[in-house]
Amino acid sequence: MVNIPEYYVGKTVLITGATGFMGKVLLEKLLRSCPGVKSVYVMVRSKAGQSPQARIADMINCKLFERLQDEQPGFAEKIVAVNSDLTQPELDLSKGDQSILVENINIVFHCAATIRFNEPLKDAMQLNVLATQKMVALAHRMKHLEIFIHISTAYANCDRELIEEIVYPPPVDYRRLIDTL
């Protein structure tokens, strides 16, 4: 039986939503607990005039990454920022970046989502549903993919008193909702 750090030795990971709350924690924990991971690609969009690379550089200088900085000073070399916008066609990935991901990724953590309660429904659908479909389509092309993990948003079946570990039927067919929007 292989333990988790052993499993990740030599693996290449892709994370969406790495600049969000859950993504930051996942990135730090993965790099700290699995030092043998080969590389971690993070799909990040430009924001407020900052490139994806600059956003990641700022992020890894926060308090969350201090322990990792102390224990593994060269950890940042394993992080590869990939310019992407999940709401755009083909995830706004260049052909070169698509090729790199298709050829190298072993594990995908899809964490990107909007969790704003007041998000326009069309925008929430773009990021939380359609972007997930695009990520799954990209994953199907990955030649060495072993695992695809989708981390859902923080809100699920909030209208229920008891939430069981089952898949509840949606109140409307998602395809109809997409067509309507």
N, C-alpha and C. Protein backbone atom coordinates (compact mmCIF):
# COMPACT_ATOMS: atom_id res chain seq x y z
N MET A 1 0.83 -1.18 0.00
CA MET A 1 0.00 0.00 0.00
C MET A 1 0.89 1.25 0.00
N VAL A 2 0.55 2.20 -0.84
CA VAL A 2 1.32 3.43 -0.98
C VAL A 2 0.62 4.52 -0.18
N ASN A 3 1.41 5.30 0.60
CA ASN A 3 0.79 6.41 1.32
C ASN A 3 0.70 7.63 0.40
N ILE A 4 0.03 8.66 0.84
CA ILE A 4 -0.25 9.82 -0.01
C ILE A 4 1.03 10.49 -0.51
N PRO A 5 1.98 10.86 0.35
CA PRO A 5 3.20 11.49 -0.19
C PRO A 5 3.92 10.61 -1.21
N GLU A 6 3.94 9.30 -0.99
CA GLU A 6 4.58 8.40 -1.96
C GLU A 6 3.85 8.42 -3.29
N TYR A 7 2.52 8.46 -3.24
CA TYR A 7 1.72 8.47 -4.47
C TYR A 7 2.08 9.68 -5.34
N TYR A 8 2.29 10.83 -4.71
CA TYR A 8 2.52 12.07 -5.45
C TYR A 8 3.95 12.22 -5.98
N VAL A 9 4.85 11.34 -5.61
CA VAL A 9 6.23 11.44 -6.10
C VAL A 9 6.24 11.39 -7.63
N GLY A 10 6.83 12.41 -8.23
CA GLY A 10 6.95 12.48 -9.69
C GLY A 10 5.68 12.84 -10.43
N LYS A 11 4.59 13.14 -9.72
CA LYS A 11 3.32 13.46 -10.37
C LYS A 11 3.25 14.95 -10.72
N THR A 12 2.49 15.23 -11.76
CA THR A 12 2.22 16.59 -12.18
C THR A 12 0.74 16.88 -11.95
N VAL A 13 0.48 17.95 -11.21
CA VAL A 13 -0.87 18.28 -10.76
C VAL A 13 -1.33 19.58 -11.43
N LEU A 14 -2.62 19.68 -11.69
CA LEU A 14 -3.24 20.90 -12.20
C LEU A 14 -4.30 21.34 -11.20
N ILE A 15 -4.27 22.62 -10.82
CA ILE A 15 -5.27 23.17 -9.90
C ILE A 15 -5.93 24.38 -10.54
N THR A 16 -7.26 24.40 -10.55
CA THR A 16 -8.00 25.62 -10.89
C THR A 16 -8.47 26.23 -9.57
N GLY A 17 -8.64 27.53 -9.56
CA GLY A 17 -9.09 28.18 -8.33
C GLY A 17 -8.02 28.27 -7.27
N ALA A 18 -6.76 28.20 -7.66
CA ALA A 18 -5.65 28.19 -6.69
C ALA A 18 -5.51 29.50 -5.92
N THR A 19 -6.07 30.58 -6.42
CA THR A 19 -5.97 31.86 -5.70
C THR A 19 -7.15 32.07 -4.76
N GLY A 20 -8.11 31.17 -4.78
CA GLY A 20 -9.25 31.25 -3.87
C GLY A 20 -8.94 30.61 -2.53
N PHE A 21 -9.87 30.70 -1.61
CA PHE A 21 -9.67 30.21 -0.24
C PHE A 21 -9.26 28.75 -0.21
N MET A 22 -10.06 27.88 -0.82
CA MET A 22 -9.76 26.45 -0.79
C MET A 22 -8.52 26.12 -1.63
N GLY A 23 -8.37 26.79 -2.75
CA GLY A 23 -7.23 26.53 -3.63
C GLY A 23 -5.89 26.84 -2.99
N LYS A 24 -5.83 27.96 -2.26
CA LYS A 24 -4.58 28.31 -1.57
C LYS A 24 -4.20 27.25 -0.55
N VAL A 25 -5.17 26.84 0.23
CA VAL A 25 -4.93 25.83 1.26
C VAL A 25 -4.50 24.52 0.62
N LEU A 26 -5.16 24.12 -0.45
CA LEU A 26 -4.82 22.89 -1.16
C LEU A 26 -3.39 22.97 -1.71
N LEU A 27 -3.04 24.07 -2.35
CA LEU A 27 -1.70 24.22 -2.93
C LEU A 27 -0.62 24.14 -1.86
N GLU A 28 -0.82 24.85 -0.76
CA GLU A 28 0.18 24.84 0.31
C GLU A 28 0.31 23.44 0.91
N LYS A 29 -0.80 22.81 1.23
CA LYS A 29 -0.79 21.48 1.86
C LYS A 29 -0.17 20.44 0.92
N LEU A 30 -0.51 20.50 -0.34
CA LEU A 30 0.04 19.55 -1.31
C LEU A 30 1.56 19.69 -1.40
N LEU A 31 2.05 20.92 -1.54
CA LEU A 31 3.49 21.12 -1.67
C LEU A 31 4.24 20.78 -0.38
N ARG A 32 3.65 21.11 0.75
CA ARG A 32 4.32 20.85 2.03
C ARG A 32 4.31 19.37 2.40
N SER A 33 3.17 18.71 2.19
CA SER A 33 3.02 17.32 2.62
C SER A 33 3.53 16.31 1.60
N CYS A 34 3.64 16.73 0.36
CA CYS A 34 4.08 15.83 -0.71
C CYS A 34 5.27 16.46 -1.44
N PRO A 35 6.41 16.52 -0.78
CA PRO A 35 7.56 17.21 -1.37
C PRO A 35 8.08 16.56 -2.65
N GLY A 36 7.67 15.33 -2.92
CA GLY A 36 8.11 14.65 -4.14
C GLY A 36 7.28 14.98 -5.36
N VAL A 37 6.22 15.82 -5.20
CA VAL A 37 5.42 16.19 -6.36
C VAL A 37 6.33 16.89 -7.37
N LYS A 38 6.19 16.53 -8.62
CA LYS A 38 7.08 17.06 -9.66
C LYS A 38 6.79 18.54 -9.93
N SER A 39 5.52 18.85 -10.23
CA SER A 39 5.14 20.23 -10.49
C SER A 39 3.64 20.40 -10.30
N VAL A 40 3.26 21.66 -10.06
CA VAL A 40 1.85 21.99 -9.90
C VAL A 40 1.54 23.15 -10.84
N TYR A 41 0.74 22.87 -11.84
CA TYR A 41 0.27 23.90 -12.75
C TYR A 41 -0.97 24.53 -12.14
N VAL A 42 -1.05 25.84 -12.17
CA VAL A 42 -2.21 26.54 -11.63
C VAL A 42 -2.78 27.43 -12.73
N MET A 43 -4.05 27.22 -13.04
CA MET A 43 -4.71 28.03 -14.06
C MET A 43 -5.22 29.29 -13.38
N VAL A 44 -4.71 30.45 -13.84
CA VAL A 44 -5.02 31.72 -13.20
C VAL A 44 -5.27 32.76 -14.29
N ARG A 45 -6.25 33.62 -14.07
CA ARG A 45 -6.50 34.70 -15.02
C ARG A 45 -5.79 35.97 -14.57
N SER A 46 -5.54 36.84 -15.50
CA SER A 46 -5.03 38.16 -15.16
C SER A 46 -6.15 38.90 -14.43
N LYS A 47 -5.76 39.73 -13.45
CA LYS A 47 -6.78 40.44 -12.68
C LYS A 47 -6.18 41.74 -12.17
N ALA A 48 -6.91 42.82 -12.33
CA ALA A 48 -6.50 44.14 -11.86
C ALA A 48 -5.09 44.50 -12.37
N GLY A 49 -4.84 44.16 -13.64
CA GLY A 49 -3.56 44.49 -14.25
C GLY A 49 -2.40 43.59 -13.84
N GLN A 50 -2.69 42.57 -13.05
CA GLN A 50 -1.63 41.65 -12.61
C GLN A 50 -1.66 40.38 -13.46
N SER A 51 -0.49 39.95 -13.90
CA SER A 51 -0.39 38.71 -14.66
C SER A 51 -0.62 37.53 -13.72
N PRO A 52 -0.94 36.37 -14.28
CA PRO A 52 -1.07 35.17 -13.44
C PRO A 52 0.19 34.90 -12.62
N GLN A 53 1.35 35.08 -13.23
CA GLN A 53 2.61 34.83 -12.53
C GLN A 53 2.76 35.78 -11.34
N ALA A 54 2.42 37.05 -11.53
CA ALA A 54 2.52 38.03 -10.44
C ALA A 54 1.51 37.71 -9.33
N ARG A 55 0.32 37.28 -9.70
CA ARG A 55 -0.68 36.93 -8.70
C ARG A 55 -0.22 35.76 -7.84
N ILE A 56 0.40 34.76 -8.47
CA ILE A 56 0.91 33.61 -7.72
C ILE A 56 2.08 34.03 -6.84
N ALA A 57 2.97 34.85 -7.37
CA ALA A 57 4.12 35.32 -6.58
C ALA A 57 3.65 36.07 -5.34
N ASP A 58 2.64 36.92 -5.48
CA ASP A 58 2.08 37.63 -4.32
C ASP A 58 1.45 36.65 -3.34
N MET A 59 0.71 35.71 -3.87
CA MET A 59 -0.02 34.77 -3.02
C MET A 59 0.94 33.93 -2.16
N ILE A 60 2.02 33.44 -2.74
CA ILE A 60 2.90 32.55 -1.98
C ILE A 60 3.77 33.32 -0.98
N ASN A 61 3.66 34.62 -0.98
CA ASN A 61 4.39 35.41 0.02
C ASN A 61 3.51 35.74 1.23
N CYS A 62 2.31 35.15 1.30
CA CYS A 62 1.44 35.41 2.44
C CYS A 62 1.77 34.46 3.60
N LYS A 63 1.17 34.71 4.74
CA LYS A 63 1.44 33.96 5.96
C LYS A 63 1.20 32.46 5.80
N LEU A 64 0.20 32.09 5.05
CA LEU A 64 -0.12 30.68 4.85
C LEU A 64 1.08 29.87 4.37
N PHE A 65 1.94 30.48 3.56
CA PHE A 65 3.06 29.75 2.96
C PHE A 65 4.37 29.89 3.74
N GLU A 66 4.35 30.53 4.91
CA GLU A 66 5.58 30.74 5.68
C GLU A 66 6.25 29.43 6.10
N ARG A 67 5.47 28.49 6.60
CA ARG A 67 6.05 27.21 7.03
C ARG A 67 6.69 26.49 5.84
N LEU A 68 6.00 26.51 4.71
CA LEU A 68 6.53 25.89 3.51
C LEU A 68 7.83 26.59 3.07
N GLN A 69 7.85 27.91 3.18
CA GLN A 69 9.07 28.68 2.85
C GLN A 69 10.24 28.21 3.71
N ASP A 70 9.97 28.01 5.00
CA ASP A 70 11.02 27.58 5.94
C ASP A 70 11.49 26.16 5.65
N GLU A 71 10.54 25.25 5.40
CA GLU A 71 10.87 23.84 5.24
C GLU A 71 11.40 23.48 3.85
N GLN A 72 10.91 24.18 2.83
CA GLN A 72 11.30 23.88 1.45
C GLN A 72 11.48 25.19 0.67
N PRO A 73 12.58 25.87 0.88
CA PRO A 73 12.78 27.19 0.28
C PRO A 73 12.60 27.25 -1.24
N GLY A 74 12.83 26.19 -1.95
CA GLY A 74 12.70 26.20 -3.41
C GLY A 74 11.36 25.74 -3.93
N PHE A 75 10.35 25.67 -3.06
CA PHE A 75 9.05 25.12 -3.47
C PHE A 75 8.42 25.88 -4.63
N ALA A 76 8.63 27.19 -4.72
CA ALA A 76 7.97 28.01 -5.74
C ALA A 76 8.36 27.59 -7.15
N GLU A 77 9.51 26.96 -7.31
CA GLU A 77 9.95 26.51 -8.63
C GLU A 77 9.05 25.42 -9.19
N LYS A 78 8.30 24.75 -8.31
CA LYS A 78 7.40 23.69 -8.75
C LYS A 78 6.06 24.24 -9.26
N ILE A 79 5.77 25.51 -8.97
CA ILE A 79 4.49 26.10 -9.35
C ILE A 79 4.62 26.76 -10.72
N VAL A 80 3.73 26.36 -11.63
CA VAL A 80 3.73 26.92 -12.98
C VAL A 80 2.38 27.60 -13.20
N ALA A 81 2.40 28.93 -13.29
CA ALA A 81 1.18 29.69 -13.54
C ALA A 81 0.84 29.61 -15.03
N VAL A 82 -0.40 29.26 -15.33
CA VAL A 82 -0.88 29.15 -16.70
C VAL A 82 -1.98 30.19 -16.89
N ASN A 83 -1.83 31.05 -17.86
CA ASN A 83 -2.83 32.08 -18.13
C ASN A 83 -4.10 31.42 -18.67
N SER A 84 -5.20 31.64 -17.97
CA SER A 84 -6.45 31.01 -18.37
C SER A 84 -7.63 31.79 -17.80
N ASP A 85 -8.75 31.73 -18.50
CA ASP A 85 -10.01 32.28 -18.00
C ASP A 85 -11.06 31.21 -18.27
N LEU A 86 -11.55 30.60 -17.22
CA LEU A 86 -12.44 29.45 -17.35
C LEU A 86 -13.79 29.78 -17.99
N THR A 87 -14.13 31.06 -18.05
CA THR A 87 -15.41 31.43 -18.66
C THR A 87 -15.31 31.62 -20.17
N GLN A 88 -14.10 31.56 -20.70
CA GLN A 88 -13.88 31.79 -22.14
C GLN A 88 -13.82 30.47 -22.91
N PRO A 89 -14.04 30.54 -24.23
CA PRO A 89 -13.90 29.32 -25.04
C PRO A 89 -12.51 28.70 -24.86
N GLU A 90 -12.48 27.38 -24.82
CA GLU A 90 -11.26 26.61 -24.62
C GLU A 90 -10.48 27.07 -23.39
N LEU A 91 -11.22 27.61 -22.41
CA LEU A 91 -10.65 28.05 -21.13
C LEU A 91 -9.61 29.16 -21.33
N ASP A 92 -9.62 29.78 -22.51
CA ASP A 92 -8.68 30.85 -22.87
C ASP A 92 -7.23 30.38 -22.78
N LEU A 93 -7.02 29.09 -23.00
CA LEU A 93 -5.67 28.51 -22.98
C LEU A 93 -5.05 28.62 -24.36
N SER A 94 -3.78 28.98 -24.41
CA SER A 94 -3.07 28.97 -25.69
C SER A 94 -2.94 27.52 -26.16
N LYS A 95 -2.71 27.34 -27.43
CA LYS A 95 -2.52 25.98 -27.97
C LYS A 95 -1.32 25.31 -27.29
N GLY A 96 -0.26 26.10 -27.04
CA GLY A 96 0.93 25.56 -26.39
C GLY A 96 0.64 25.08 -24.98
N ASP A 97 -0.12 25.90 -24.21
CA ASP A 97 -0.46 25.50 -22.84
C ASP A 97 -1.39 24.28 -22.85
N GLN A 98 -2.33 24.24 -23.78
CA GLN A 98 -3.20 23.07 -23.88
C GLN A 98 -2.36 21.82 -24.10
N SER A 99 -1.40 21.91 -25.01
CA SER A 99 -0.55 20.77 -25.32
C SER A 99 0.25 20.32 -24.10
N ILE A 100 0.81 21.28 -23.36
CA ILE A 100 1.59 20.95 -22.15
C ILE A 100 0.71 20.22 -21.14
N LEU A 101 -0.50 20.74 -20.92
CA LEU A 101 -1.40 20.11 -19.94
C LEU A 101 -1.82 18.71 -20.40
N VAL A 102 -2.17 18.59 -21.67
CA VAL A 102 -2.61 17.30 -22.21
C VAL A 102 -1.50 16.25 -22.10
N GLU A 103 -0.27 16.66 -22.28
CA GLU A 103 0.85 15.72 -22.28
C GLU A 103 1.38 15.38 -20.88
N ASN A 104 1.13 16.25 -19.88
CA ASN A 104 1.84 16.09 -18.61
C ASN A 104 1.01 15.87 -17.36
N ILE A 105 -0.25 16.24 -17.34
CA ILE A 105 -1.01 16.23 -16.09
C ILE A 105 -1.43 14.82 -15.68
N ASN A 106 -1.23 14.51 -14.40
CA ASN A 106 -1.66 13.25 -13.81
C ASN A 106 -2.90 13.42 -12.94
N ILE A 107 -3.01 14.57 -12.27
CA ILE A 107 -4.09 14.79 -11.30
C ILE A 107 -4.64 16.20 -11.50
N VAL A 108 -5.96 16.31 -11.54
CA VAL A 108 -6.63 17.61 -11.64
C VAL A 108 -7.46 17.84 -10.39
N PHE A 109 -7.27 19.01 -9.78
CA PHE A 109 -8.15 19.50 -8.72
C PHE A 109 -8.88 20.70 -9.29
N HIS A 110 -10.15 20.55 -9.57
CA HIS A 110 -10.94 21.67 -10.11
C HIS A 110 -11.68 22.34 -8.95
N CYS A 111 -11.11 23.45 -8.49
CA CYS A 111 -11.64 24.17 -7.33
C CYS A 111 -12.30 25.49 -7.71
N ALA A 112 -12.12 25.95 -8.93
CA ALA A 112 -12.61 27.27 -9.32
C ALA A 112 -14.13 27.32 -9.29
N ALA A 113 -14.65 28.38 -8.69
CA ALA A 113 -16.10 28.58 -8.62
C ALA A 113 -16.36 29.97 -8.08
N THR A 114 -17.57 30.42 -8.30
CA THR A 114 -18.02 31.63 -7.61
C THR A 114 -18.95 31.20 -6.49
N ILE A 115 -18.78 31.80 -5.34
CA ILE A 115 -19.63 31.45 -4.20
C ILE A 115 -20.38 32.68 -3.68
N ARG A 116 -20.48 33.69 -4.53
CA ARG A 116 -21.24 34.89 -4.14
C ARG A 116 -22.73 34.60 -4.23
N PHE A 117 -23.45 34.94 -3.18
CA PHE A 117 -24.90 34.73 -3.17
C PHE A 117 -25.62 35.63 -4.17
N ASN A 118 -25.04 36.80 -4.45
CA ASN A 118 -25.72 37.75 -5.32
C ASN A 118 -25.15 37.77 -6.74
N GLU A 119 -24.41 36.77 -7.09
CA GLU A 119 -23.85 36.67 -8.45
C GLU A 119 -24.99 36.53 -9.45
N PRO A 120 -24.94 37.27 -10.56
CA PRO A 120 -25.97 37.04 -11.59
C PRO A 120 -25.96 35.57 -12.00
N LEU A 121 -27.16 35.01 -12.18
CA LEU A 121 -27.28 33.58 -12.46
C LEU A 121 -26.47 33.18 -13.69
N LYS A 122 -26.48 34.02 -14.71
CA LYS A 122 -25.72 33.70 -15.94
C LYS A 122 -24.23 33.57 -15.63
N ASP A 123 -23.69 34.47 -14.81
CA ASP A 123 -22.27 34.42 -14.46
C ASP A 123 -21.95 33.18 -13.60
N ALA A 124 -22.82 32.88 -12.65
CA ALA A 124 -22.63 31.71 -11.80
C ALA A 124 -22.68 30.43 -12.64
N MET A 125 -23.58 30.38 -13.59
CA MET A 125 -23.70 29.22 -14.47
C MET A 125 -22.43 29.09 -15.33
N GLN A 126 -21.91 30.21 -15.82
CA GLN A 126 -20.68 30.18 -16.64
C GLN A 126 -19.53 29.54 -15.87
N LEU A 127 -19.31 29.99 -14.64
CA LEU A 127 -18.15 29.52 -13.89
C LEU A 127 -18.39 28.20 -13.19
N ASN A 128 -19.55 28.01 -12.59
CA ASN A 128 -19.77 26.82 -11.78
C ASN A 128 -20.22 25.59 -12.57
N VAL A 129 -20.82 25.79 -13.73
CA VAL A 129 -21.31 24.65 -14.51
C VAL A 129 -20.56 24.51 -15.83
N LEU A 130 -20.60 25.55 -16.65
CA LEU A 130 -19.99 25.44 -17.98
C LEU A 130 -18.47 25.30 -17.90
N ALA A 131 -17.84 26.01 -16.97
CA ALA A 131 -16.38 25.87 -16.82
C ALA A 131 -16.02 24.46 -16.38
N THR A 132 -16.86 23.87 -15.55
CA THR A 132 -16.61 22.49 -15.13
C THR A 132 -16.72 21.55 -16.32
N GLN A 133 -17.70 21.78 -17.19
CA GLN A 133 -17.81 20.96 -18.40
C GLN A 133 -16.56 21.10 -19.27
N LYS A 134 -16.06 22.33 -19.39
CA LYS A 134 -14.85 22.56 -20.20
C LYS A 134 -13.64 21.88 -19.57
N MET A 135 -13.55 21.90 -18.25
CA MET A 135 -12.43 21.23 -17.57
C MET A 135 -12.51 19.72 -17.77
N VAL A 136 -13.70 19.16 -17.71
CA VAL A 136 -13.85 17.72 -17.94
C VAL A 136 -13.47 17.38 -19.38
N ALA A 137 -13.85 18.24 -20.33
CA ALA A 137 -13.47 18.00 -21.72
C ALA A 137 -11.96 18.03 -21.88
N LEU A 138 -11.29 18.99 -21.24
CA LEU A 138 -9.83 19.05 -21.28
C LEU A 138 -9.24 17.80 -20.64
N ALA A 139 -9.78 17.40 -19.52
CA ALA A 139 -9.28 16.21 -18.81
C ALA A 139 -9.38 14.96 -19.67
N HIS A 140 -10.43 14.84 -20.46
CA HIS A 140 -10.59 13.67 -21.34
C HIS A 140 -9.46 13.59 -22.36
N ARG A 141 -8.84 14.71 -22.67
CA ARG A 141 -7.74 14.73 -23.64
C ARG A 141 -6.39 14.42 -22.98
N MET A 142 -6.31 14.48 -21.66
CA MET A 142 -5.04 14.30 -20.95
C MET A 142 -4.59 12.85 -21.03
N LYS A 143 -3.38 12.67 -21.55
CA LYS A 143 -2.87 11.33 -21.85
C LYS A 143 -2.46 10.53 -20.63
N HIS A 144 -2.14 11.20 -19.51
CA HIS A 144 -1.65 10.49 -18.33
C HIS A 144 -2.51 10.77 -17.09
N LEU A 145 -3.75 11.20 -17.32
CA LEU A 145 -4.64 11.54 -16.21
C LEU A 145 -4.99 10.31 -15.40
N GLU A 146 -4.84 10.41 -14.09
CA GLU A 146 -5.21 9.33 -13.18
C GLU A 146 -6.44 9.70 -12.35
N ILE A 147 -6.53 10.99 -11.99
CA ILE A 147 -7.60 11.43 -11.09
C ILE A 147 -8.09 12.81 -11.49
N PHE A 148 -9.41 13.00 -11.48
CA PHE A 148 -10.03 14.31 -11.65
C PHE A 148 -10.90 14.52 -10.42
N ILE A 149 -10.59 15.55 -9.65
CA ILE A 149 -11.35 15.84 -8.44
C ILE A 149 -12.04 17.19 -8.60
N HIS A 150 -13.34 17.18 -8.46
CA HIS A 150 -14.11 18.43 -8.52
C HIS A 150 -14.49 18.81 -7.10
N ILE A 151 -14.05 19.98 -6.68
CA ILE A 151 -14.40 20.48 -5.35
C ILE A 151 -15.53 21.46 -5.55
N SER A 152 -16.69 21.10 -5.05
CA SER A 152 -17.89 21.89 -5.27
C SER A 152 -17.87 23.16 -4.44
N THR A 153 -18.79 24.06 -4.77
CA THR A 153 -18.92 25.29 -4.01
C THR A 153 -19.42 24.98 -2.61
N ALA A 154 -19.40 25.98 -1.76
CA ALA A 154 -19.74 25.81 -0.34
C ALA A 154 -21.24 25.66 -0.09
N TYR A 155 -22.04 25.82 -1.10
CA TYR A 155 -23.48 25.82 -0.89
C TYR A 155 -24.12 24.64 -1.60
N ALA A 156 -24.77 23.78 -0.83
CA ALA A 156 -25.41 22.61 -1.43
C ALA A 156 -26.66 22.27 -0.65
N ASN A 157 -27.78 22.29 -1.34
CA ASN A 157 -29.05 21.88 -0.74
C ASN A 157 -29.35 22.60 0.57
N CYS A 158 -29.11 23.90 0.58
CA CYS A 158 -29.32 24.69 1.79
C CYS A 158 -30.78 24.77 2.22
N ASP A 159 -31.68 24.38 1.34
CA ASP A 159 -33.11 24.45 1.65
C ASP A 159 -33.59 23.24 2.44
N ARG A 160 -32.70 22.34 2.80
CA ARG A 160 -33.09 21.11 3.49
C ARG A 160 -32.68 21.16 4.96
N GLU A 161 -33.51 20.54 5.79
CA GLU A 161 -33.18 20.39 7.22
C GLU A 161 -32.09 19.34 7.40
N LEU A 162 -32.23 18.23 6.66
CA LEU A 162 -31.29 17.11 6.73
C LEU A 162 -30.68 16.93 5.34
N ILE A 163 -29.37 17.00 5.25
CA ILE A 163 -28.69 16.79 3.97
C ILE A 163 -28.01 15.43 4.02
N GLU A 164 -28.51 14.53 3.19
CA GLU A 164 -27.97 13.18 3.16
C GLU A 164 -26.85 13.10 2.12
N GLU A 165 -26.08 12.03 2.17
CA GLU A 165 -25.00 11.84 1.21
C GLU A 165 -25.54 11.11 -0.02
N ILE A 166 -26.40 11.82 -0.74
CA ILE A 166 -26.97 11.30 -1.98
C ILE A 166 -26.95 12.43 -3.01
N VAL A 167 -27.16 12.07 -4.26
CA VAL A 167 -27.28 13.07 -5.32
C VAL A 167 -28.76 13.40 -5.44
N TYR A 168 -29.13 14.64 -5.16
CA TYR A 168 -30.52 15.07 -5.25
C TYR A 168 -30.83 15.49 -6.68
N PRO A 169 -32.03 15.18 -7.13
CA PRO A 169 -32.40 15.61 -8.49
C PRO A 169 -32.52 17.14 -8.54
N PRO A 170 -32.06 17.75 -9.62
CA PRO A 170 -32.15 19.21 -9.72
C PRO A 170 -33.61 19.63 -9.94
N PRO A 171 -33.96 20.83 -9.52
CA PRO A 171 -35.33 21.29 -9.70
C PRO A 171 -35.67 21.58 -11.16
N VAL A 172 -34.63 21.76 -11.99
CA VAL A 172 -34.83 22.01 -13.42
C VAL A 172 -33.67 21.35 -14.17
N ASP A 173 -33.93 20.90 -15.37
CA ASP A 173 -32.88 20.29 -16.18
C ASP A 173 -31.83 21.37 -16.50
N TYR A 174 -30.56 21.08 -16.20
CA TYR A 174 -29.51 22.07 -16.37
C TYR A 174 -29.37 22.52 -17.83
N ARG A 175 -29.64 21.64 -18.79
CA ARG A 175 -29.53 22.02 -20.21
C ARG A 175 -30.58 23.07 -20.56
N ARG A 176 -31.75 22.92 -19.98
CA ARG A 176 -32.82 23.89 -20.22
C ARG A 176 -32.45 25.25 -19.61
N LEU A 177 -31.87 25.20 -18.43
CA LEU A 177 -31.43 26.44 -17.77
C LEU A 177 -30.34 27.13 -18.59
N ILE A 178 -29.37 26.37 -19.09
CA ILE A 178 -28.31 26.95 -19.92
C ILE A 178 -28.90 27.59 -21.17
N ASP A 179 -29.82 26.87 -21.83
CA ASP A 179 -30.45 27.43 -23.03
C ASP A 179 -31.22 28.70 -22.72
N THR A 180 -31.89 28.74 -21.59
CA THR A 180 -32.66 29.91 -21.19
C THR A 180 -31.76 31.10 -20.93
N LEU A 181 -30.64 30.86 -20.28
CA LEU A 181 -29.71 31.95 -19.97
C LEU A 181 -29.00 32.44 -21.23
